[in-house]
Amino acid sequence: MSKLSADALKLLGEGKNLAIIATIMPDGSPQATAVWVDTDGEHVRFNTAEGRVKTKNLRRDPRVAVAILNADNPYEQVTIRGRVVEFVHEGAVEHIDSLARKYVGTDTFTGRDPTDQRVIVKIAPA
């Protein structure tokens, strides 16, 4: 397994830098979604809900590409190819709230549907 580069760690840790997550649909076509991201120092992490297209795609095929763009200069970016190594439900609500603080400055994620089961997706670089 590869490690996240210093540039990737910087973009994951600093600022409100969005990522584009590219997954593979059942017919082989690409699917891309903008997400909030962070890192645990080893993995790219994002938070979503079970049942979403990206979650279904990644459970079927864990290969993923992540492009992280500097919010202040989108020409500064990193691309990470890797695999999902873990789906974590425990702490997922707290994680989406921490991402809401980082990205929009609110204590809780106001877009949460109480019927959603939140999940943290961990991606290891290849």
C-alpha atoms as a PDB file:
ATOM      1  CA  MET A   1       0.000   0.000   0.000  1.00  0.00           C
ATOM      2  CA  SER A   2       1.223   3.486  -0.831  1.00  0.00           C
ATOM      3  CA  LYS A   3       1.227   6.439   1.512  1.00  0.00           C
ATOM      4  CA  LEU A   4      -0.551   9.736   1.033  1.00  0.00           C
ATOM      5  CA  SER A   5       1.837  12.361  -0.321  1.00  0.00           C
ATOM      6  CA  ALA A   6       2.672  15.516   1.618  1.00  0.00           C
ATOM      7  CA  ASP A   7       0.639  17.497  -0.950  1.00  0.00           C
ATOM      8  CA  ALA A   8      -2.374  15.200  -0.451  1.00  0.00           C
ATOM      9  CA  LEU A   9      -2.140  15.444   3.336  1.00  0.00           C
ATOM     10  CA  LYS A  10      -1.970  19.242   3.069  1.00  0.00           C
ATOM     11  CA  LEU A  11      -5.063  19.502   0.854  1.00  0.00           C
ATOM     12  CA  LEU A  12      -6.964  16.987   3.000  1.00  0.00           C
ATOM     13  CA  GLY A  13      -6.113  18.753   6.237  1.00  0.00           C
ATOM     14  CA  GLU A  14      -6.183  22.438   5.391  1.00  0.00           C
ATOM     15  CA  GLY A  15      -9.033  24.593   4.171  1.00  0.00           C
ATOM     16  CA  LYS A  16     -12.379  23.734   2.664  1.00  0.00           C
ATOM     17  CA  ASN A  17     -11.021  21.687  -0.221  1.00  0.00           C
ATOM     18  CA  LEU A  18     -13.623  19.582  -1.975  1.00  0.00           C
ATOM     19  CA  ALA A  19     -12.895  16.204  -3.480  1.00  0.00           C
ATOM     20  CA  ILE A  20     -14.400  14.464  -6.468  1.00  0.00           C
ATOM     21  CA  ILE A  21     -14.926  10.750  -5.849  1.00  0.00           C
ATOM     22  CA  ALA A  22     -15.064   8.626  -9.018  1.00  0.00           C
ATOM     23  CA  THR A  23     -16.626   5.173  -8.756  1.00  0.00           C
ATOM     24  CA  ILE A  24     -17.597   2.525 -11.290  1.00  0.00           C
ATOM     25  CA  MET A  25     -21.237   1.835 -12.180  1.00  0.00           C
ATOM     26  CA  PRO A  26     -22.399  -1.769 -12.748  1.00  0.00           C
ATOM     27  CA  ASP A  27     -22.207  -1.237 -16.541  1.00  0.00           C
ATOM     28  CA  GLY A  28     -18.589  -0.029 -16.239  1.00  0.00           C
ATOM     29  CA  SER A  29     -19.335   3.643 -16.769  1.00  0.00           C
ATOM     30  CA  PRO A  30     -17.848   6.222 -14.379  1.00  0.00           C
ATOM     31  CA  GLN A  31     -19.827   8.056 -11.706  1.00  0.00           C
ATOM     32  CA  ALA A  32     -18.421  11.140  -9.971  1.00  0.00           C
ATOM     33  CA  THR A  33     -19.581  12.998  -6.873  1.00  0.00           C
ATOM     34  CA  ALA A  34     -18.241  16.030  -5.001  1.00  0.00           C
ATOM     35  CA  VAL A  35     -17.746  15.294  -1.290  1.00  0.00           C
ATOM     36  CA  TRP A  36     -16.288  16.731   1.884  1.00  0.00           C
ATOM     37  CA  VAL A  37     -13.102  14.922   2.888  1.00  0.00           C
ATOM     38  CA  ASP A  38     -10.539  14.572   5.630  1.00  0.00           C
ATOM     39  CA  THR A  39      -7.819  12.130   6.602  1.00  0.00           C
ATOM     40  CA  ASP A  40      -6.723  10.036   9.545  1.00  0.00           C
ATOM     41  CA  GLY A  41      -3.147  10.424   8.291  1.00  0.00           C
ATOM     42  CA  GLU A  42      -3.238   7.147   6.392  1.00  0.00           C
ATOM     43  CA  HIS A  43      -6.557   7.132   4.516  1.00  0.00           C
ATOM     44  CA  VAL A  44      -8.730   9.564   2.604  1.00  0.00           C
ATOM     45  CA  ARG A  45     -12.069   9.633   4.428  1.00  0.00           C
ATOM     46  CA  PHE A  46     -15.479  10.841   3.350  1.00  0.00           C
ATOM     47  CA  ASN A  47     -18.929  10.444   4.835  1.00  0.00           C
ATOM     48  CA  THR A  48     -22.084   9.401   3.059  1.00  0.00           C
ATOM     49  CA  ALA A  49     -25.260   7.419   3.628  1.00  0.00           C
ATOM     50  CA  GLU A  50     -25.909   3.774   2.946  1.00  0.00           C
ATOM     51  CA  GLY A  51     -27.950   3.253  -0.208  1.00  0.00           C
ATOM     52  CA  ARG A  52     -26.411   6.092  -2.213  1.00  0.00           C
ATOM     53  CA  VAL A  53     -25.070   5.286  -5.683  1.00  0.00           C
ATOM     54  CA  LYS A  54     -21.431   5.801  -4.674  1.00  0.00           C
ATOM     55  CA  THR A  55     -21.823   3.559  -1.625  1.00  0.00           C
ATOM     56  CA  LYS A  56     -23.439   0.790  -3.682  1.00  0.00           C
ATOM     57  CA  ASN A  57     -20.724   1.101  -6.336  1.00  0.00           C
ATOM     58  CA  LEU A  58     -17.902   0.958  -3.792  1.00  0.00           C
ATOM     59  CA  ARG A  59     -19.362  -2.052  -1.983  1.00  0.00           C
ATOM     60  CA  ARG A  60     -19.496  -3.872  -5.328  1.00  0.00           C
ATOM     61  CA  ASP A  61     -16.125  -2.619  -6.649  1.00  0.00           C
ATOM     62  CA  PRO A  62     -13.796  -0.896  -4.153  1.00  0.00           C
ATOM     63  CA  ARG A  63     -11.620   0.791  -6.798  1.00  0.00           C
ATOM     64  CA  VAL A  64     -11.849   4.567  -6.616  1.00  0.00           C
ATOM     65  CA  ALA A  65     -10.171   7.744  -7.822  1.00  0.00           C
ATOM     66  CA  VAL A  66     -10.175  10.900  -5.724  1.00  0.00           C
ATOM     67  CA  ALA A  67      -9.315  14.373  -7.037  1.00  0.00           C
ATOM     68  CA  ILE A  68      -8.821  16.983  -4.301  1.00  0.00           C
ATOM     69  CA  LEU A  69      -8.904  20.625  -5.414  1.00  0.00           C
ATOM     70  CA  ASN A  70      -7.480  23.562  -3.493  1.00  0.00           C
ATOM     71  CA  ALA A  71     -10.478  25.831  -2.819  1.00  0.00           C
ATOM     72  CA  ASP A  72      -8.268  28.923  -3.194  1.00  0.00           C
ATOM     73  CA  ASN A  73      -6.532  27.730  -6.375  1.00  0.00           C
ATOM     74  CA  PRO A  74      -8.274  24.839  -8.186  1.00  0.00           C
ATOM     75  CA  TYR A  75      -5.220  24.410 -10.420  1.00  0.00           C
ATOM     76  CA  GLU A  76      -3.464  23.078  -7.310  1.00  0.00           C
ATOM     77  CA  GLN A  77      -4.803  19.570  -6.941  1.00  0.00           C
ATOM     78  CA  VAL A  78      -3.871  15.988  -6.247  1.00  0.00           C
ATOM     79  CA  THR A  79      -5.325  12.780  -7.617  1.00  0.00           C
ATOM     80  CA  ILE A  80      -5.285   9.580  -5.614  1.00  0.00           C
ATOM     81  CA  ARG A  81      -6.134   6.177  -7.002  1.00  0.00           C
ATOM     82  CA  GLY A  82      -6.898   3.535  -4.450  1.00  0.00           C
ATOM     83  CA  ARG A  83      -9.344   1.139  -2.890  1.00  0.00           C
ATOM     84  CA  VAL A  84     -11.939   1.356  -0.177  1.00  0.00           C
ATOM     85  CA  VAL A  85     -10.564  -0.625   2.746  1.00  0.00           C
ATOM     86  CA  GLU A  86     -13.298  -0.037   5.308  1.00  0.00           C
ATOM     87  CA  PHE A  87     -16.877   1.161   5.791  1.00  0.00           C
ATOM     88  CA  VAL A  88     -17.385   2.391   9.371  1.00  0.00           C
ATOM     89  CA  HIS A  89     -20.777   3.100  10.946  1.00  0.00           C
ATOM     90  CA  GLU A  90     -19.546   3.728  14.486  1.00  0.00           C
ATOM     91  CA  GLY A  91     -18.825   7.441  14.900  1.00  0.00           C
ATOM     92  CA  ALA A  92     -20.189   8.314  11.444  1.00  0.00           C
ATOM     93  CA  VAL A  93     -22.720  10.866  12.759  1.00  0.00           C
ATOM     94  CA  GLU A  94     -19.991  12.614  14.741  1.00  0.00           C
ATOM     95  CA  HIS A  95     -17.737  12.510  11.668  1.00  0.00           C
ATOM     96  CA  ILE A  96     -20.281  14.229   9.391  1.00  0.00           C
ATOM     97  CA  ASP A  97     -20.772  16.856  12.106  1.00  0.00           C
ATOM     98  CA  SER A  98     -16.988  17.468  12.222  1.00  0.00           C
ATOM     99  CA  LEU A  99     -16.964  17.832   8.424  1.00  0.00           C
ATOM    100  CA  ALA A 100     -19.853  20.326   8.670  1.00  0.00           C
ATOM    101  CA  ARG A 101     -17.780  22.377  11.142  1.00  0.00           C
ATOM    102  CA  LYS A 102     -14.819  22.290   8.737  1.00  0.00           C
ATOM    103  CA  TYR A 103     -16.742  23.133   5.565  1.00  0.00           C
ATOM    104  CA  VAL A 104     -19.702  25.297   6.605  1.00  0.00           C
ATOM    105  CA  GLY A 105     -18.989  26.308  10.202  1.00  0.00           C
ATOM    106  CA  THR A 106     -22.024  24.660  11.808  1.00  0.00           C
ATOM    107  CA  ASP A 107     -21.898  22.360  14.840  1.00  0.00           C
ATOM    108  CA  THR A 108     -24.075  19.747  13.165  1.00  0.00           C
ATOM    109  CA  PHE A 109     -24.737  18.638   9.609  1.00  0.00           C
ATOM    110  CA  THR A 110     -28.100  20.226   8.862  1.00  0.00           C
ATOM    111  CA  GLY A 111     -28.720  18.117   5.736  1.00  0.00           C
ATOM    112  CA  ARG A 112     -28.931  14.874   7.677  1.00  0.00           C
ATOM    113  CA  ASP A 113     -32.018  12.752   7.105  1.00  0.00           C
ATOM    114  CA  PRO A 114     -32.781  10.967  10.391  1.00  0.00           C
ATOM    115  CA  THR A 115     -33.622   7.799   8.454  1.00  0.00           C
ATOM    116  CA  ASP A 116     -30.143   7.667   6.841  1.00  0.00           C
ATOM    117  CA  GLN A 117     -27.493   5.339   8.169  1.00  0.00           C
ATOM    118  CA  ARG A 118     -24.285   7.387   7.934  1.00  0.00           C
ATOM    119  CA  VAL A 119     -21.025   5.672   7.003  1.00  0.00           C
ATOM    120  CA  ILE A 120     -17.389   6.746   6.926  1.00  0.00           C
ATOM    121  CA  VAL A 121     -15.641   5.438   3.810  1.00  0.00           C
ATOM    122  CA  LYS A 122     -11.879   4.891   4.186  1.00  0.00           C
ATOM    123  CA  ILE A 123      -9.734   4.861   1.054  1.00  0.00           C
ATOM    124  CA  ALA A 124      -6.158   3.578   0.983  1.00  0.00           C
ATOM    125  CA  PRO A 125      -3.962   4.929  -1.806  1.00  0.00           C
ATOM    126  CA  ALA A 126      -2.645   2.328  -4.245  1.00  0.00           C
END
